[in-house]
Amino acid sequence: PAPVLRAASAASHGVTVCPYGKACYQKNPTHLAMYSHPWLSTVGGKLVCKYGPKCYQTNAAHLRDFAHPWEK
């Protein structure tokens, strides 16, 4: 089955929306737990890579931290 994409929402998590908005670059788990980022999609608990299908990153840290649901 295809991965299920979902947007993190303030209502579902009971947290405040991030004050930095779409400009937020925080990856800190504490920040992500404190603030909602409804514009970000997740797959299996990972943020979807912002580069989309054109992603050129191959380093292990990037692949560990971001989902690439368009890849098989």
PDB file of N, CA and C in Angstrom:
ATOM      1  N   PRO A   1       0.823  -1.206   0.000  1.00  0.00           N
ATOM      2  CA  PRO A   1       0.000   0.000   0.000  1.00  0.00           C
ATOM      3  C   PRO A   1       0.859   1.259   0.000  1.00  0.00           C
ATOM      4  N   ALA A   2       0.301   2.329  -0.519  1.00  0.00           N
ATOM      5  CA  ALA A   2       1.002   3.619  -0.565  1.00  0.00           C
ATOM      6  C   ALA A   2       1.117   4.201   0.830  1.00  0.00           C
ATOM      7  N   PRO A   3       2.193   4.927   1.127  1.00  0.00           N
ATOM      8  CA  PRO A   3       2.341   5.551   2.442  1.00  0.00           C
ATOM      9  C   PRO A   3       1.235   6.574   2.676  1.00  0.00           C
ATOM     10  N   VAL A   4       0.845   6.693   3.906  1.00  0.00           N
ATOM     11  CA  VAL A   4      -0.198   7.645   4.260  1.00  0.00           C
ATOM     12  C   VAL A   4       0.461   8.943   4.691  1.00  0.00           C
ATOM     13  N   LEU A   5       0.154  10.027   3.997  1.00  0.00           N
ATOM     14  CA  LEU A   5       0.664  11.347   4.350  1.00  0.00           C
ATOM     15  C   LEU A   5      -0.342  12.009   5.265  1.00  0.00           C
ATOM     16  N   ARG A   6       0.149  12.681   6.290  1.00  0.00           N
ATOM     17  CA  ARG A   6      -0.759  13.427   7.143  1.00  0.00           C
ATOM     18  C   ARG A   6      -0.097  14.727   7.524  1.00  0.00           C
ATOM     19  N   ALA A   7      -0.892  15.751   7.730  1.00  0.00           N
ATOM     20  CA  ALA A   7      -0.366  17.037   8.179  1.00  0.00           C
ATOM     21  C   ALA A   7      -0.466  17.079   9.684  1.00  0.00           C
ATOM     22  N   ALA A   8       0.597  17.539  10.334  1.00  0.00           N
ATOM     23  CA  ALA A   8       0.580  17.691  11.788  1.00  0.00           C
ATOM     24  C   ALA A   8      -0.306  18.881  12.114  1.00  0.00           C
ATOM     25  N   SER A   9      -1.331  18.679  12.904  1.00  0.00           N
ATOM     26  CA  SER A   9      -2.246  19.778  13.198  1.00  0.00           C
ATOM     27  C   SER A   9      -2.249  20.123  14.675  1.00  0.00           C
ATOM     28  N   ALA A  10      -2.435  21.382  14.971  1.00  0.00           N
ATOM     29  CA  ALA A  10      -2.468  21.849  16.354  1.00  0.00           C
ATOM     30  C   ALA A  10      -3.620  21.214  17.103  1.00  0.00           C
ATOM     31  N   ALA A  11      -4.759  21.092  16.464  1.00  0.00           N
ATOM     32  CA  ALA A  11      -5.930  20.539  17.139  1.00  0.00           C
ATOM     33  C   ALA A  11      -5.707  19.089  17.544  1.00  0.00           C
ATOM     34  N   SER A  12      -5.097  18.304  16.666  1.00  0.00           N
ATOM     35  CA  SER A  12      -4.913  16.892  16.976  1.00  0.00           C
ATOM     36  C   SER A  12      -3.816  16.658  18.000  1.00  0.00           C
ATOM     37  N   HIS A  13      -2.882  17.579  18.125  1.00  0.00           N
ATOM     38  CA  HIS A  13      -1.794  17.413  19.071  1.00  0.00           C
ATOM     39  C   HIS A  13      -1.965  18.257  20.337  1.00  0.00           C
ATOM     40  N   GLY A  14      -2.915  19.162  20.333  1.00  0.00           N
ATOM     41  CA  GLY A  14      -3.138  20.004  21.502  1.00  0.00           C
ATOM     42  C   GLY A  14      -1.983  20.939  21.796  1.00  0.00           C
ATOM     43  N   VAL A  15      -1.269  21.378  20.786  1.00  0.00           N
ATOM     44  CA  VAL A  15      -0.133  22.280  20.971  1.00  0.00           C
ATOM     45  C   VAL A  15      -0.303  23.531  20.111  1.00  0.00           C
ATOM     46  N   THR A  16       0.452  24.545  20.428  1.00  0.00           N
ATOM     47  CA  THR A  16       0.424  25.815  19.709  1.00  0.00           C
ATOM     48  C   THR A  16       1.152  25.696  18.377  1.00  0.00           C
ATOM     49  N   VAL A  17       0.660  26.387  17.369  1.00  0.00           N
ATOM     50  CA  VAL A  17       1.330  26.412  16.070  1.00  0.00           C
ATOM     51  C   VAL A  17       2.660  27.157  16.227  1.00  0.00           C
ATOM     52  N   CYS A  18       3.685  26.674  15.570  1.00  0.00           N
ATOM     53  CA  CYS A  18       5.030  27.248  15.643  1.00  0.00           C
ATOM     54  C   CYS A  18       5.013  28.734  15.289  1.00  0.00           C
ATOM     55  N   PRO A  19       5.627  29.569  16.133  1.00  0.00           N
ATOM     56  CA  PRO A  19       5.635  31.005  15.869  1.00  0.00           C
ATOM     57  C   PRO A  19       6.483  31.395  14.656  1.00  0.00           C
ATOM     58  N   TYR A  20       7.360  30.515  14.196  1.00  0.00           N
ATOM     59  CA  TYR A  20       8.207  30.817  13.042  1.00  0.00           C
ATOM     60  C   TYR A  20       7.512  30.534  11.717  1.00  0.00           C
ATOM     61  N   GLY A  21       6.372  29.861  11.769  1.00  0.00           N
ATOM     62  CA  GLY A  21       5.630  29.557  10.559  1.00  0.00           C
ATOM     63  C   GLY A  21       6.434  28.705   9.593  1.00  0.00           C
ATOM     64  N   LYS A  22       6.178  28.895   8.303  1.00  0.00           N
ATOM     65  CA  LYS A  22       6.852  28.086   7.286  1.00  0.00           C
ATOM     66  C   LYS A  22       8.350  28.347   7.223  1.00  0.00           C
ATOM     67  N   ALA A  23       8.821  29.411   7.864  1.00  0.00           N
ATOM     68  CA  ALA A  23      10.257  29.713   7.887  1.00  0.00           C
ATOM     69  C   ALA A  23      11.000  28.878   8.935  1.00  0.00           C
ATOM     70  N   CYS A  24      10.284  28.104   9.729  1.00  0.00           N
ATOM     71  CA  CYS A  24      10.909  27.304  10.786  1.00  0.00           C
ATOM     72  C   CYS A  24      11.871  26.280  10.188  1.00  0.00           C
ATOM     73  N   TYR A  25      13.058  26.198  10.768  1.00  0.00           N
ATOM     74  CA  TYR A  25      14.049  25.223  10.331  1.00  0.00           C
ATOM     75  C   TYR A  25      14.428  24.266  11.452  1.00  0.00           C
ATOM     76  N   GLN A  26      13.750  24.352  12.579  1.00  0.00           N
ATOM     77  CA  GLN A  26      14.065  23.536  13.747  1.00  0.00           C
ATOM     78  C   GLN A  26      13.825  22.055  13.480  1.00  0.00           C
ATOM     79  N   LYS A  27      14.752  21.225  13.881  1.00  0.00           N
ATOM     80  CA  LYS A  27      14.603  19.769  13.808  1.00  0.00           C
ATOM     81  C   LYS A  27      14.652  19.165  15.209  1.00  0.00           C
ATOM     82  N   ASN A  28      14.853  20.035  16.204  1.00  0.00           N
ATOM     83  CA  ASN A  28      14.964  19.618  17.602  1.00  0.00           C
ATOM     84  C   ASN A  28      13.668  18.930  18.038  1.00  0.00           C
ATOM     85  N   PRO A  29      13.733  17.692  18.546  1.00  0.00           N
ATOM     86  CA  PRO A  29      12.528  16.979  18.964  1.00  0.00           C
ATOM     87  C   PRO A  29      11.718  17.726  20.031  1.00  0.00           C
ATOM     88  N   THR A  30      12.388  18.476  20.904  1.00  0.00           N
ATOM     89  CA  THR A  30      11.674  19.246  21.922  1.00  0.00           C
ATOM     90  C   THR A  30      10.839  20.335  21.261  1.00  0.00           C
ATOM     91  N   HIS A  31      11.405  21.046  20.306  1.00  0.00           N
ATOM     92  CA  HIS A  31      10.673  22.085  19.582  1.00  0.00           C
ATOM     93  C   HIS A  31       9.497  21.471  18.823  1.00  0.00           C
ATOM     94  N   LEU A  32       9.744  20.362  18.134  1.00  0.00           N
ATOM     95  CA  LEU A  32       8.693  19.723  17.358  1.00  0.00           C
ATOM     96  C   LEU A  32       7.564  19.202  18.242  1.00  0.00           C
ATOM     97  N   ALA A  33       7.886  18.821  19.475  1.00  0.00           N
ATOM     98  CA  ALA A  33       6.857  18.369  20.415  1.00  0.00           C
ATOM     99  C   ALA A  33       6.074  19.544  21.005  1.00  0.00           C
ATOM    100  N   MET A  34       6.737  20.690  21.161  1.00  0.00           N
ATOM    101  CA  MET A  34       6.103  21.859  21.766  1.00  0.00           C
ATOM    102  C   MET A  34       5.188  22.599  20.804  1.00  0.00           C
ATOM    103  N   TYR A  35       5.518  22.590  19.526  1.00  0.00           N
ATOM    104  CA  TYR A  35       4.786  23.378  18.538  1.00  0.00           C
ATOM    105  C   TYR A  35       4.304  22.512  17.382  1.00  0.00           C
ATOM    106  N   SER A  36       3.126  22.849  16.885  1.00  0.00           N
ATOM    107  CA  SER A  36       2.578  22.176  15.718  1.00  0.00           C
ATOM    108  C   SER A  36       3.122  22.836  14.451  1.00  0.00           C
ATOM    109  N   HIS A  37       3.318  22.040  13.428  1.00  0.00           N
ATOM    110  CA  HIS A  37       3.779  22.514  12.123  1.00  0.00           C
ATOM    111  C   HIS A  37       2.809  21.963  11.074  1.00  0.00           C
ATOM    112  N   PRO A  38       1.603  22.535  10.985  1.00  0.00           N
ATOM    113  CA  PRO A  38       0.558  21.958  10.132  1.00  0.00           C
ATOM    114  C   PRO A  38       0.881  21.941   8.644  1.00  0.00           C
ATOM    115  N   TRP A  39       1.854  22.676   8.206  1.00  0.00           N
ATOM    116  CA  TRP A  39       2.228  22.715   6.791  1.00  0.00           C
ATOM    117  C   TRP A  39       3.196  21.603   6.435  1.00  0.00           C
ATOM    118  N   LEU A  40       3.670  20.856   7.431  1.00  0.00           N
ATOM    119  CA  LEU A  40       4.606  19.764   7.177  1.00  0.00           C
ATOM    120  C   LEU A  40       3.864  18.434   7.116  1.00  0.00           C
ATOM    121  N   SER A  41       4.188  17.627   6.162  1.00  0.00           N
ATOM    122  CA  SER A  41       3.608  16.295   6.057  1.00  0.00           C
ATOM    123  C   SER A  41       4.574  15.290   6.659  1.00  0.00           C
ATOM    124  N   THR A  42       4.017  14.217   7.208  1.00  0.00           N
ATOM    125  CA  THR A  42       4.853  13.161   7.766  1.00  0.00           C
ATOM    126  C   THR A  42       4.436  11.816   7.192  1.00  0.00           C
ATOM    127  N   VAL A  43       5.394  10.906   7.170  1.00  0.00           N
ATOM    128  CA  VAL A  43       5.158   9.520   6.785  1.00  0.00           C
ATOM    129  C   VAL A  43       5.880   8.682   7.820  1.00  0.00           C
ATOM    130  N   GLY A  44       5.152   7.857   8.511  1.00  0.00           N
ATOM    131  CA  GLY A  44       5.785   6.991   9.514  1.00  0.00           C
ATOM    132  C   GLY A  44       6.542   7.763  10.576  1.00  0.00           C
ATOM    133  N   GLY A  45       6.068   8.950  10.925  1.00  0.00           N
ATOM    134  CA  GLY A  45       6.718   9.746  11.959  1.00  0.00           C
ATOM    135  C   GLY A  45       7.878  10.604  11.473  1.00  0.00           C
ATOM    136  N   LYS A  46       8.231  10.514  10.206  1.00  0.00           N
ATOM    137  CA  LYS A  46       9.317  11.333   9.653  1.00  0.00           C
ATOM    138  C   LYS A  46       8.727  12.443   8.801  1.00  0.00           C
ATOM    139  N   LEU A  47       9.397  13.593   8.797  1.00  0.00           N
ATOM    140  CA  LEU A  47       8.999  14.672   7.886  1.00  0.00           C
ATOM    141  C   LEU A  47       9.289  14.241   6.456  1.00  0.00           C
ATOM    142  N   VAL A  48       8.422  14.618   5.549  1.00  0.00           N
ATOM    143  CA  VAL A  48       8.650  14.335   4.135  1.00  0.00           C
ATOM    144  C   VAL A  48       9.709  15.317   3.627  1.00  0.00           C
ATOM    145  N   CYS A  49      10.662  14.809   2.889  1.00  0.00           N
ATOM    146  CA  CYS A  49      11.757  15.619   2.347  1.00  0.00           C
ATOM    147  C   CYS A  49      11.205  16.806   1.560  1.00  0.00           C
ATOM    148  N   LYS A  50      11.726  18.004   1.868  1.00  0.00           N
ATOM    149  CA  LYS A  50      11.233  19.222   1.221  1.00  0.00           C
ATOM    150  C   LYS A  50      11.630  19.313  -0.253  1.00  0.00           C
ATOM    151  N   TYR A  51      12.582  18.516  -0.681  1.00  0.00           N
ATOM    152  CA  TYR A  51      13.012  18.560  -2.077  1.00  0.00           C
ATOM    153  C   TYR A  51      12.110  17.733  -2.996  1.00  0.00           C
ATOM    154  N   GLY A  52      11.220  16.943  -2.403  1.00  0.00           N
ATOM    155  CA  GLY A  52      10.300  16.131  -3.194  1.00  0.00           C
ATOM    156  C   GLY A  52      11.026  15.116  -4.056  1.00  0.00           C
ATOM    157  N   PRO A  53      10.407  14.703  -5.151  1.00  0.00           N
ATOM    158  CA  PRO A  53      11.010  13.693  -6.027  1.00  0.00           C
ATOM    159  C   PRO A  53      12.337  14.131  -6.646  1.00  0.00           C
ATOM    160  N   LYS A  54      12.653  15.429  -6.579  1.00  0.00           N
ATOM    161  CA  LYS A  54      13.915  15.927  -7.135  1.00  0.00           C
ATOM    162  C   LYS A  54      15.056  15.886  -6.119  1.00  0.00           C
ATOM    163  N   CYS A  55      14.837  15.238  -4.967  1.00  0.00           N
ATOM    164  CA  CYS A  55      15.866  15.180  -3.922  1.00  0.00           C
ATOM    165  C   CYS A  55      17.146  14.546  -4.462  1.00  0.00           C
ATOM    166  N   TYR A  56      18.256  15.196  -4.166  1.00  0.00           N
ATOM    167  CA  TYR A  56      19.557  14.701  -4.594  1.00  0.00           C
ATOM    168  C   TYR A  56      20.418  14.272  -3.411  1.00  0.00           C
ATOM    169  N   GLN A  57      19.874  14.400  -2.205  1.00  0.00           N
ATOM    170  CA  GLN A  57      20.633  14.062  -0.996  1.00  0.00           C
ATOM    171  C   GLN A  57      20.808  12.550  -0.885  1.00  0.00           C
ATOM    172  N   THR A  58      22.017  12.111  -0.612  1.00  0.00           N
ATOM    173  CA  THR A  58      22.260  10.680  -0.453  1.00  0.00           C
ATOM    174  C   THR A  58      22.940  10.346   0.866  1.00  0.00           C
ATOM    175  N   ASN A  59      23.203  11.376   1.697  1.00  0.00           N
ATOM    176  CA  ASN A  59      23.906  11.090   2.935  1.00  0.00           C
ATOM    177  C   ASN A  59      22.988  10.383   3.928  1.00  0.00           C
ATOM    178  N   ALA A  60      23.573   9.554   4.773  1.00  0.00           N
ATOM    179  CA  ALA A  60      22.818   8.706   5.698  1.00  0.00           C
ATOM    180  C   ALA A  60      21.958   9.511   6.660  1.00  0.00           C
ATOM    181  N   ALA A  61      22.438  10.653   7.139  1.00  0.00           N
ATOM    182  CA  ALA A  61      21.660  11.464   8.088  1.00  0.00           C
ATOM    183  C   ALA A  61      20.381  11.985   7.438  1.00  0.00           C
ATOM    184  N   HIS A  62      20.465  12.457   6.217  1.00  0.00           N
ATOM    185  CA  HIS A  62      19.280  12.960   5.515  1.00  0.00           C
ATOM    186  C   HIS A  62      18.270  11.829   5.293  1.00  0.00           C
ATOM    187  N   LEU A  63      18.756  10.703   4.816  1.00  0.00           N
ATOM    188  CA  LEU A  63      17.872   9.574   4.548  1.00  0.00           C
ATOM    189  C   LEU A  63      17.249   9.032   5.830  1.00  0.00           C
ATOM    190  N   ARG A  64      17.963   9.124   6.946  1.00  0.00           N
ATOM    191  CA  ARG A  64      17.436   8.686   8.238  1.00  0.00           C
ATOM    192  C   ARG A  64      16.368   9.643   8.746  1.00  0.00           C
ATOM    193  N   ASP A  65      16.559  10.943   8.546  1.00  0.00           N
ATOM    194  CA  ASP A  65      15.692  11.957   9.149  1.00  0.00           C
ATOM    195  C   ASP A  65      14.468  12.329   8.314  1.00  0.00           C
ATOM    196  N   PHE A  66      14.485  12.071   7.020  1.00  0.00           N
ATOM    197  CA  PHE A  66      13.392  12.489   6.155  1.00  0.00           C
ATOM    198  C   PHE A  66      12.828  11.334   5.332  1.00  0.00           C
ATOM    199  N   ALA A  67      11.501  11.342   5.171  1.00  0.00           N
ATOM    200  CA  ALA A  67      10.827  10.322   4.372  1.00  0.00           C
ATOM    201  C   ALA A  67      10.858  10.690   2.896  1.00  0.00           C
ATOM    202  N   HIS A  68      10.950   9.689   2.056  1.00  0.00           N
ATOM    203  CA  HIS A  68      10.947   9.853   0.594  1.00  0.00           C
ATOM    204  C   HIS A  68       9.889   8.883   0.042  1.00  0.00           C
ATOM    205  N   PRO A  69       8.593   9.203   0.245  1.00  0.00           N
ATOM    206  CA  PRO A  69       7.539   8.247  -0.095  1.00  0.00           C
ATOM    207  C   PRO A  69       7.391   7.954  -1.580  1.00  0.00           C
ATOM    208  N   TRP A  70       7.973   8.751  -2.437  1.00  0.00           N
ATOM    209  CA  TRP A  70       7.878   8.532  -3.877  1.00  0.00           C
ATOM    210  C   TRP A  70       8.874   7.500  -4.352  1.00  0.00           C
ATOM    211  N   GLU A  71       9.825   7.109  -3.487  1.00  0.00           N
ATOM    212  CA  GLU A  71      10.810   6.082  -3.844  1.00  0.00           C
ATOM    213  C   GLU A  71      10.291   4.706  -3.451  1.00  0.00           C
ATOM    214  N   LYS A  72      10.704   3.713  -4.190  1.00  0.00           N
ATOM    215  CA  LYS A  72      10.273   2.344  -3.871  1.00  0.00           C
ATOM    216  C   LYS A  72      11.368   1.613  -3.166  1.00  0.00           C
TER     217      LYS A  72
END
